[in-house]
Amino acid sequence: DIELVAAEVLGELGFTAEIINGEEEAVQEQTTIVDFTGSSKGSSLDVLAAVFGIESEDISIEINANTDANYRLVLGELFNACIKAPERG
């Protein structure tokens, strides 16, 4: 399952991933990121976008102080499970 591949990569990047079945949502073509922080300082958004090949137009900011999550990665129909390896530093 592509969800498991994405969750594994997120874990390697140091994120805690929760797989949420989005059957109630319409399937979208592109993989997107929702940024709940709206903060660029100390943000991991650039790393997520680079690893998952997400363009800036597929990133939205929805500031939400009532969530424990900083980001939501929504896998689209065109999601490629051959993800770029995280940079080791």
PDB file of N, CA and C in Angstrom:
ATOM      1  N   ASP A   1       0.832  -1.196   0.000  1.00  0.00           N
ATOM      2  CA  ASP A   1       0.000   0.000   0.000  1.00  0.00           C
ATOM      3  C   ASP A   1       0.871   1.252   0.000  1.00  0.00           C
ATOM      4  N   ILE A   2       0.481   2.213  -0.809  1.00  0.00           N
ATOM      5  CA  ILE A   2       1.263   3.446  -0.898  1.00  0.00           C
ATOM      6  C   ILE A   2       1.234   4.236   0.401  1.00  0.00           C
ATOM      7  N   GLU A   3       0.156   4.086   1.169  1.00  0.00           N
ATOM      8  CA  GLU A   3       0.074   4.791   2.446  1.00  0.00           C
ATOM      9  C   GLU A   3       1.176   4.316   3.397  1.00  0.00           C
ATOM     10  N   LEU A   4       1.448   3.022   3.364  1.00  0.00           N
ATOM     11  CA  LEU A   4       2.489   2.465   4.235  1.00  0.00           C
ATOM     12  C   LEU A   4       3.878   2.926   3.810  1.00  0.00           C
ATOM     13  N   VAL A   5       4.095   3.031   2.496  1.00  0.00           N
ATOM     14  CA  VAL A   5       5.377   3.533   1.990  1.00  0.00           C
ATOM     15  C   VAL A   5       5.585   4.967   2.452  1.00  0.00           C
ATOM     16  N   ALA A   6       4.563   5.798   2.284  1.00  0.00           N
ATOM     17  CA  ALA A   6       4.670   7.198   2.695  1.00  0.00           C
ATOM     18  C   ALA A   6       4.894   7.308   4.201  1.00  0.00           C
ATOM     19  N   ALA A   7       4.174   6.500   4.994  1.00  0.00           N
ATOM     20  CA  ALA A   7       4.338   6.535   6.451  1.00  0.00           C
ATOM     21  C   ALA A   7       5.741   6.109   6.864  1.00  0.00           C
ATOM     22  N   GLU A   8       6.304   5.113   6.170  1.00  0.00           N
ATOM     23  CA  GLU A   8       7.656   4.665   6.470  1.00  0.00           C
ATOM     24  C   GLU A   8       8.674   5.765   6.194  1.00  0.00           C
ATOM     25  N   VAL A   9       8.519   6.445   5.070  1.00  0.00           N
ATOM     26  CA  VAL A   9       9.438   7.543   4.736  1.00  0.00           C
ATOM     27  C   VAL A   9       9.294   8.671   5.756  1.00  0.00           C
ATOM     28  N   LEU A  10       8.069   8.999   6.136  1.00  0.00           N
ATOM     29  CA  LEU A  10       7.864  10.032   7.143  1.00  0.00           C
ATOM     30  C   LEU A  10       8.550   9.651   8.454  1.00  0.00           C
ATOM     31  N   GLY A  11       8.464   8.380   8.826  1.00  0.00           N
ATOM     32  CA  GLY A  11       9.148   7.910  10.030  1.00  0.00           C
ATOM     33  C   GLY A  11      10.651   8.066   9.935  1.00  0.00           C
ATOM     34  N   GLU A  12      11.210   7.759   8.761  1.00  0.00           N
ATOM     35  CA  GLU A  12      12.652   7.929   8.553  1.00  0.00           C
ATOM     36  C   GLU A  12      13.070   9.385   8.652  1.00  0.00           C
ATOM     37  N   LEU A  13      12.141  10.281   8.336  1.00  0.00           N
ATOM     38  CA  LEU A  13      12.422  11.717   8.425  1.00  0.00           C
ATOM     39  C   LEU A  13      12.221  12.255   9.841  1.00  0.00           C
ATOM     40  N   GLY A  14      11.733  11.394  10.752  1.00  0.00           N
ATOM     41  CA  GLY A  14      11.531  11.820  12.128  1.00  0.00           C
ATOM     42  C   GLY A  14      10.120  12.263  12.446  1.00  0.00           C
ATOM     43  N   PHE A  15       9.188  12.055  11.526  1.00  0.00           N
ATOM     44  CA  PHE A  15       7.797  12.431  11.753  1.00  0.00           C
ATOM     45  C   PHE A  15       7.027  11.243  12.303  1.00  0.00           C
ATOM     46  N   THR A  16       6.007  11.519  13.068  1.00  0.00           N
ATOM     47  CA  THR A  16       5.058  10.498  13.482  1.00  0.00           C
ATOM     48  C   THR A  16       3.905  10.557  12.498  1.00  0.00           C
ATOM     49  N   ALA A  17       3.661   9.455  11.828  1.00  0.00           N
ATOM     50  CA  ALA A  17       2.628   9.426  10.797  1.00  0.00           C
ATOM     51  C   ALA A  17       1.426   8.632  11.276  1.00  0.00           C
ATOM     52  N   GLU A  18       0.259   9.141  10.964  1.00  0.00           N
ATOM     53  CA  GLU A  18      -0.984   8.435  11.229  1.00  0.00           C
ATOM     54  C   GLU A  18      -1.704   8.287   9.897  1.00  0.00           C
ATOM     55  N   ILE A  19      -2.025   7.064   9.544  1.00  0.00           N
ATOM     56  CA  ILE A  19      -2.733   6.826   8.283  1.00  0.00           C
ATOM     57  C   ILE A  19      -4.216   6.977   8.536  1.00  0.00           C
ATOM     58  N   ILE A  20      -4.814   7.882   7.790  1.00  0.00           N
ATOM     59  CA  ILE A  20      -6.247   8.148   7.910  1.00  0.00           C
ATOM     60  C   ILE A  20      -6.888   7.770   6.586  1.00  0.00           C
ATOM     61  N   ASN A  21      -7.845   6.881   6.631  1.00  0.00           N
ATOM     62  CA  ASN A  21      -8.543   6.478   5.424  1.00  0.00           C
ATOM     63  C   ASN A  21      -9.511   7.589   5.044  1.00  0.00           C
ATOM     64  N   GLY A  22      -9.295   8.165   3.876  1.00  0.00           N
ATOM     65  CA  GLY A  22     -10.105   9.296   3.439  1.00  0.00           C
ATOM     66  C   GLY A  22     -11.181   8.936   2.446  1.00  0.00           C
ATOM     67  N   GLU A  23     -11.869   7.824   2.667  1.00  0.00           N
ATOM     68  CA  GLU A  23     -12.886   7.393   1.716  1.00  0.00           C
ATOM     69  C   GLU A  23     -13.996   8.416   1.539  1.00  0.00           C
ATOM     70  N   GLU A  24     -14.252   9.203   2.583  1.00  0.00           N
ATOM     71  CA  GLU A  24     -15.333  10.177   2.480  1.00  0.00           C
ATOM     72  C   GLU A  24     -14.944  11.393   1.649  1.00  0.00           C
ATOM     73  N   GLU A  25     -13.663  11.556   1.396  1.00  0.00           N
ATOM     74  CA  GLU A  25     -13.179  12.687   0.607  1.00  0.00           C
ATOM     75  C   GLU A  25     -13.036  12.285  -0.857  1.00  0.00           C
ATOM     76  N   ALA A  26     -13.233  13.233  -1.731  1.00  0.00           N
ATOM     77  CA  ALA A  26     -13.042  12.967  -3.157  1.00  0.00           C
ATOM     78  C   ALA A  26     -11.566  12.711  -3.426  1.00  0.00           C
ATOM     79  N   VAL A  27     -11.278  11.752  -4.287  1.00  0.00           N
ATOM     80  CA  VAL A  27      -9.893  11.452  -4.639  1.00  0.00           C
ATOM     81  C   VAL A  27      -9.367  12.579  -5.508  1.00  0.00           C
ATOM     82  N   GLN A  28      -8.192  13.068  -5.170  1.00  0.00           N
ATOM     83  CA  GLN A  28      -7.594  14.146  -5.946  1.00  0.00           C
ATOM     84  C   GLN A  28      -6.449  13.598  -6.779  1.00  0.00           C
ATOM     85  N   GLU A  29      -6.105  14.332  -7.820  1.00  0.00           N
ATOM     86  CA  GLU A  29      -5.061  13.876  -8.742  1.00  0.00           C
ATOM     87  C   GLU A  29      -3.673  14.027  -8.152  1.00  0.00           C
ATOM     88  N   GLN A  30      -3.371  15.206  -7.610  1.00  0.00           N
ATOM     89  CA  GLN A  30      -2.035  15.513  -7.106  1.00  0.00           C
ATOM     90  C   GLN A  30      -1.920  15.228  -5.616  1.00  0.00           C
ATOM     91  N   THR A  31      -0.723  14.867  -5.187  1.00  0.00           N
ATOM     92  CA  THR A  31      -0.420  14.746  -3.764  1.00  0.00           C
ATOM     93  C   THR A  31      -0.219  16.156  -3.223  1.00  0.00           C
ATOM     94  N   THR A  32      -0.784  16.430  -2.068  1.00  0.00           N
ATOM     95  CA  THR A  32      -0.721  17.772  -1.502  1.00  0.00           C
ATOM     96  C   THR A  32      -0.271  17.729  -0.043  1.00  0.00           C
ATOM     97  N   ILE A  33       0.142  18.893   0.431  1.00  0.00           N
ATOM     98  CA  ILE A  33       0.466  19.073   1.849  1.00  0.00           C
ATOM     99  C   ILE A  33      -0.390  20.207   2.377  1.00  0.00           C
ATOM    100  N   VAL A  34      -0.965  19.991   3.562  1.00  0.00           N
ATOM    101  CA  VAL A  34      -1.648  21.058   4.280  1.00  0.00           C
ATOM    102  C   VAL A  34      -0.754  21.407   5.463  1.00  0.00           C
ATOM    103  N   ASP A  35      -0.362  22.667   5.568  1.00  0.00           N
ATOM    104  CA  ASP A  35       0.494  23.166   6.650  1.00  0.00           C
ATOM    105  C   ASP A  35      -0.406  23.810   7.691  1.00  0.00           C
ATOM    106  N   PHE A  36      -0.475  23.205   8.879  1.00  0.00           N
ATOM    107  CA  PHE A  36      -1.318  23.741   9.943  1.00  0.00           C
ATOM    108  C   PHE A  36      -0.598  24.778  10.792  1.00  0.00           C
ATOM    109  N   THR A  37       0.716  24.956  10.574  1.00  0.00           N
ATOM    110  CA  THR A  37       1.492  25.877  11.412  1.00  0.00           C
ATOM    111  C   THR A  37       1.545  27.288  10.834  1.00  0.00           C
ATOM    112  N   GLY A  38       1.688  27.386   9.518  1.00  0.00           N
ATOM    113  CA  GLY A  38       1.837  28.691   8.880  1.00  0.00           C
ATOM    114  C   GLY A  38       3.158  29.350   9.196  1.00  0.00           C
ATOM    115  N   SER A  39       4.084  28.604   9.798  1.00  0.00           N
ATOM    116  CA  SER A  39       5.365  29.155  10.219  1.00  0.00           C
ATOM    117  C   SER A  39       6.483  28.692   9.299  1.00  0.00           C
ATOM    118  N   SER A  40       7.339  29.618   8.902  1.00  0.00           N
ATOM    119  CA  SER A  40       8.491  29.233   8.093  1.00  0.00           C
ATOM    120  C   SER A  40       9.713  28.982   8.977  1.00  0.00           C
ATOM    121  N   LYS A  41       9.705  29.513  10.195  1.00  0.00           N
ATOM    122  CA  LYS A  41      10.833  29.341  11.106  1.00  0.00           C
ATOM    123  C   LYS A  41      10.833  27.915  11.653  1.00  0.00           C
ATOM    124  N   GLY A  42      11.916  27.193  11.418  1.00  0.00           N
ATOM    125  CA  GLY A  42      12.035  25.829  11.898  1.00  0.00           C
ATOM    126  C   GLY A  42      11.099  24.863  11.197  1.00  0.00           C
ATOM    127  N   SER A  43      10.598  25.251  10.043  1.00  0.00           N
ATOM    128  CA  SER A  43       9.620  24.445   9.323  1.00  0.00           C
ATOM    129  C   SER A  43      10.270  23.294   8.575  1.00  0.00           C
ATOM    130  N   SER A  44       9.588  22.168   8.551  1.00  0.00           N
ATOM    131  CA  SER A  44      10.027  20.992   7.790  1.00  0.00           C
ATOM    132  C   SER A  44       9.312  20.912   6.451  1.00  0.00           C
ATOM    133  N   LEU A  45       8.566  21.916   6.119  1.00  0.00           N
ATOM    134  CA  LEU A  45       7.753  21.915   4.910  1.00  0.00           C
ATOM    135  C   LEU A  45       8.585  21.720   3.651  1.00  0.00           C
ATOM    136  N   ASP A  46       9.721  22.385   3.555  1.00  0.00           N
ATOM    137  CA  ASP A  46      10.574  22.253   2.363  1.00  0.00           C
ATOM    138  C   ASP A  46      11.096  20.826   2.199  1.00  0.00           C
ATOM    139  N   VAL A  47      11.439  20.189   3.321  1.00  0.00           N
ATOM    140  CA  VAL A  47      11.924  18.811   3.274  1.00  0.00           C
ATOM    141  C   VAL A  47      10.813  17.886   2.785  1.00  0.00           C
ATOM    142  N   LEU A  48       9.623  18.030   3.352  1.00  0.00           N
ATOM    143  CA  LEU A  48       8.489  17.205   2.934  1.00  0.00           C
ATOM    144  C   LEU A  48       8.189  17.381   1.450  1.00  0.00           C
ATOM    145  N   ALA A  49       8.164  18.627   1.004  1.00  0.00           N
ATOM    146  CA  ALA A  49       7.858  18.909  -0.399  1.00  0.00           C
ATOM    147  C   ALA A  49       8.911  18.300  -1.320  1.00  0.00           C
ATOM    148  N   ALA A  50      10.182  18.406  -0.943  1.00  0.00           N
ATOM    149  CA  ALA A  50      11.256  17.864  -1.776  1.00  0.00           C
ATOM    150  C   ALA A  50      11.203  16.339  -1.839  1.00  0.00           C
ATOM    151  N   VAL A  51      11.039  15.695  -0.701  1.00  0.00           N
ATOM    152  CA  VAL A  51      11.040  14.231  -0.644  1.00  0.00           C
ATOM    153  C   VAL A  51       9.855  13.646  -1.405  1.00  0.00           C
ATOM    154  N   PHE A  52       8.694  14.276  -1.268  1.00  0.00           N
ATOM    155  CA  PHE A  52       7.494  13.748  -1.902  1.00  0.00           C
ATOM    156  C   PHE A  52       7.205  14.382  -3.263  1.00  0.00           C
ATOM    157  N   GLY A  53       8.095  15.271  -3.729  1.00  0.00           N
ATOM    158  CA  GLY A  53       7.949  15.865  -5.058  1.00  0.00           C
ATOM    159  C   GLY A  53       6.720  16.735  -5.199  1.00  0.00           C
ATOM    160  N   ILE A  54       6.443  17.544  -4.192  1.00  0.00           N
ATOM    161  CA  ILE A  54       5.234  18.367  -4.181  1.00  0.00           C
ATOM    162  C   ILE A  54       5.597  19.804  -4.535  1.00  0.00           C
ATOM    163  N   GLU A  55       4.904  20.333  -5.531  1.00  0.00           N
ATOM    164  CA  GLU A  55       5.128  21.706  -5.989  1.00  0.00           C
ATOM    165  C   GLU A  55       4.438  22.697  -5.049  1.00  0.00           C
ATOM    166  N   SER A  56       4.906  23.943  -5.059  1.00  0.00           N
ATOM    167  CA  SER A  56       4.366  24.961  -4.151  1.00  0.00           C
ATOM    168  C   SER A  56       2.864  25.192  -4.342  1.00  0.00           C
ATOM    169  N   GLU A  57       2.371  25.024  -5.575  1.00  0.00           N
ATOM    170  CA  GLU A  57       0.937  25.234  -5.802  1.00  0.00           C
ATOM    171  C   GLU A  57       0.084  24.117  -5.184  1.00  0.00           C
ATOM    172  N   ASP A  58       0.732  23.039  -4.752  1.00  0.00           N
ATOM    173  CA  ASP A  58       0.024  21.927  -4.111  1.00  0.00           C
ATOM    174  C   ASP A  58       0.213  21.922  -2.603  1.00  0.00           C
ATOM    175  N   ILE A  59       0.619  23.073  -2.063  1.00  0.00           N
ATOM    176  CA  ILE A  59       0.775  23.256  -0.618  1.00  0.00           C
ATOM    177  C   ILE A  59      -0.190  24.340  -0.173  1.00  0.00           C
ATOM    178  N   SER A  60      -0.998  24.033   0.830  1.00  0.00           N
ATOM    179  CA  SER A  60      -1.920  25.041   1.351  1.00  0.00           C
ATOM    180  C   SER A  60      -1.638  25.262   2.834  1.00  0.00           C
ATOM    181  N   ILE A  61      -1.936  26.456   3.301  1.00  0.00           N
ATOM    182  CA  ILE A  61      -1.745  26.796   4.704  1.00  0.00           C
ATOM    183  C   ILE A  61      -3.122  26.986   5.327  1.00  0.00           C
ATOM    184  N   GLU A  62      -3.374  26.206   6.371  1.00  0.00           N
ATOM    185  CA  GLU A  62      -4.629  26.288   7.118  1.00  0.00           C
ATOM    186  C   GLU A  62      -4.267  26.271   8.596  1.00  0.00           C
ATOM    187  N   ILE A  63      -3.940  27.437   9.134  1.00  0.00           N
ATOM    188  CA  ILE A  63      -3.486  27.524  10.525  1.00  0.00           C
ATOM    189  C   ILE A  63      -4.565  26.975  11.454  1.00  0.00           C
ATOM    190  N   ASN A  64      -4.150  26.025  12.306  1.00  0.00           N
ATOM    191  CA  ASN A  64      -5.083  25.371  13.212  1.00  0.00           C
ATOM    192  C   ASN A  64      -4.354  25.048  14.512  1.00  0.00           C
ATOM    193  N   ALA A  65      -4.609  25.844  15.533  1.00  0.00           N
ATOM    194  CA  ALA A  65      -3.963  25.625  16.835  1.00  0.00           C
ATOM    195  C   ALA A  65      -4.615  24.478  17.597  1.00  0.00           C
ATOM    196  N   ASN A  66      -5.730  23.963  17.100  1.00  0.00           N
ATOM    197  CA  ASN A  66      -6.459  22.901  17.801  1.00  0.00           C
ATOM    198  C   ASN A  66      -6.110  21.505  17.309  1.00  0.00           C
ATOM    199  N   THR A  67      -5.008  21.375  16.587  1.00  0.00           N
ATOM    200  CA  THR A  67      -4.579  20.052  16.128  1.00  0.00           C
ATOM    201  C   THR A  67      -3.174  19.764  16.634  1.00  0.00           C
ATOM    202  N   ASP A  68      -2.914  18.488  16.878  1.00  0.00           N
ATOM    203  CA  ASP A  68      -1.568  18.087  17.287  1.00  0.00           C
ATOM    204  C   ASP A  68      -0.642  17.957  16.090  1.00  0.00           C
ATOM    205  N   ALA A  69      -1.218  17.868  14.903  1.00  0.00           N
ATOM    206  CA  ALA A  69      -0.433  17.695  13.681  1.00  0.00           C
ATOM    207  C   ALA A  69       0.068  19.035  13.172  1.00  0.00           C
ATOM    208  N   ASN A  70       1.276  19.036  12.628  1.00  0.00           N
ATOM    209  CA  ASN A  70       1.800  20.228  11.974  1.00  0.00           C
ATOM    210  C   ASN A  70       1.463  20.239  10.492  1.00  0.00           C
ATOM    211  N   TYR A  71       1.378  19.036   9.906  1.00  0.00           N
ATOM    212  CA  TYR A  71       1.144  18.903   8.469  1.00  0.00           C
ATOM    213  C   TYR A  71       0.204  17.733   8.198  1.00  0.00           C
ATOM    214  N   ARG A  72      -0.467  17.798   7.052  1.00  0.00           N
ATOM    215  CA  ARG A  72      -1.220  16.654   6.538  1.00  0.00           C
ATOM    216  C   ARG A  72      -0.733  16.407   5.118  1.00  0.00           C
ATOM    217  N   LEU A  73      -0.315  15.190   4.869  1.00  0.00           N
ATOM    218  CA  LEU A  73       0.094  14.768   3.535  1.00  0.00           C
ATOM    219  C   LEU A  73      -1.080  13.990   2.951  1.00  0.00           C
ATOM    220  N   VAL A  74      -1.614  14.463   1.835  1.00  0.00           N
ATOM    221  CA  VAL A  74      -2.749  13.816   1.185  1.00  0.00           C
ATOM    222  C   VAL A  74      -2.248  13.209  -0.119  1.00  0.00           C
ATOM    223  N   LEU A  75      -2.257  11.886  -0.195  1.00  0.00           N
ATOM    224  CA  LEU A  75      -1.757  11.189  -1.375  1.00  0.00           C
ATOM    225  C   LEU A  75      -2.787  11.249  -2.492  1.00  0.00           C
ATOM    226  N   GLY A  76      -2.333  11.696  -3.657  1.00  0.00           N
ATOM    227  CA  GLY A  76      -3.211  11.783  -4.811  1.00  0.00           C
ATOM    228  C   GLY A  76      -3.053  10.583  -5.725  1.00  0.00           C
ATOM    229  N   GLU A  77      -3.903  10.516  -6.742  1.00  0.00           N
ATOM    230  CA  GLU A  77      -3.866   9.411  -7.701  1.00  0.00           C
ATOM    231  C   GLU A  77      -2.515   9.278  -8.390  1.00  0.00           C
ATOM    232  N   LEU A  78      -1.818  10.395  -8.595  1.00  0.00           N
ATOM    233  CA  LEU A  78      -0.543  10.385  -9.301  1.00  0.00           C
ATOM    234  C   LEU A  78       0.647  10.181  -8.364  1.00  0.00           C
ATOM    235  N   PHE A  79       0.390   9.844  -7.099  1.00  0.00           N
ATOM    236  CA  PHE A  79       1.472   9.633  -6.134  1.00  0.00           C
ATOM    237  C   PHE A  79       2.409   8.549  -6.642  1.00  0.00           C
ATOM    238  N   ASN A  80       3.694   8.843  -6.613  1.00  0.00           N
ATOM    239  CA  ASN A  80       4.716   7.907  -7.048  1.00  0.00           C
ATOM    240  C   ASN A  80       5.382   7.317  -5.811  1.00  0.00           C
ATOM    241  N   ALA A  81       5.234   6.010  -5.623  1.00  0.00           N
ATOM    242  CA  ALA A  81       5.806   5.360  -4.442  1.00  0.00           C
ATOM    243  C   ALA A  81       7.325   5.301  -4.481  1.00  0.00           C
ATOM    244  N   CYS A  82       7.939   5.641  -5.616  1.00  0.00           N
ATOM    245  CA  CYS A  82       9.407   5.709  -5.704  1.00  0.00           C
ATOM    246  C   CYS A  82       9.828   7.086  -5.213  1.00  0.00           C
ATOM    247  N   ILE A  83       9.840   7.234  -3.910  1.00  0.00           N
ATOM    248  CA  ILE A  83      10.088   8.529  -3.261  1.00  0.00           C
ATOM    249  C   ILE A  83      11.582   8.791  -3.213  1.00  0.00           C
ATOM    250  N   LYS A  84      11.939  10.070  -3.335  1.00  0.00           N
ATOM    251  CA  LYS A  84      13.341  10.455  -3.225  1.00  0.00           C
ATOM    252  C   LYS A  84      13.822  10.129  -1.819  1.00  0.00           C
ATOM    253  N   ALA A  85      14.990   9.519  -1.731  1.00  0.00           N
ATOM    254  CA  ALA A  85      15.547   9.149  -0.429  1.00  0.00           C
ATOM    255  C   ALA A  85      15.821  10.406   0.392  1.00  0.00           C
ATOM    256  N   PRO A  86      15.453  10.366   1.680  1.00  0.00           N
ATOM    257  CA  PRO A  86      15.759  11.507   2.534  1.00  0.00           C
ATOM    258  C   PRO A  86      17.256  11.740   2.617  1.00  0.00           C
ATOM    259  N   GLU A  87      17.639  13.008   2.644  1.00  0.00           N
ATOM    260  CA  GLU A  87      19.062  13.371   2.777  1.00  0.00           C
ATOM    261  C   GLU A  87      19.541  12.988   4.161  1.00  0.00           C
ATOM    262  N   ARG A  88      20.658  12.368   4.224  1.00  0.00           N
ATOM    263  CA  ARG A  88      21.269  12.023   5.522  1.00  0.00           C
ATOM    264  C   ARG A  88      22.299  13.097   5.849  1.00  0.00           C
ATOM    265  N   GLY A  89      22.188  13.674   7.029  1.00  0.00           N
ATOM    266  CA  GLY A  89      23.076  14.767   7.345  1.00  0.00           C
ATOM    267  C   GLY A  89      23.845  14.619   8.518  1.00  0.00           C
TER     268      GLY A  89
END
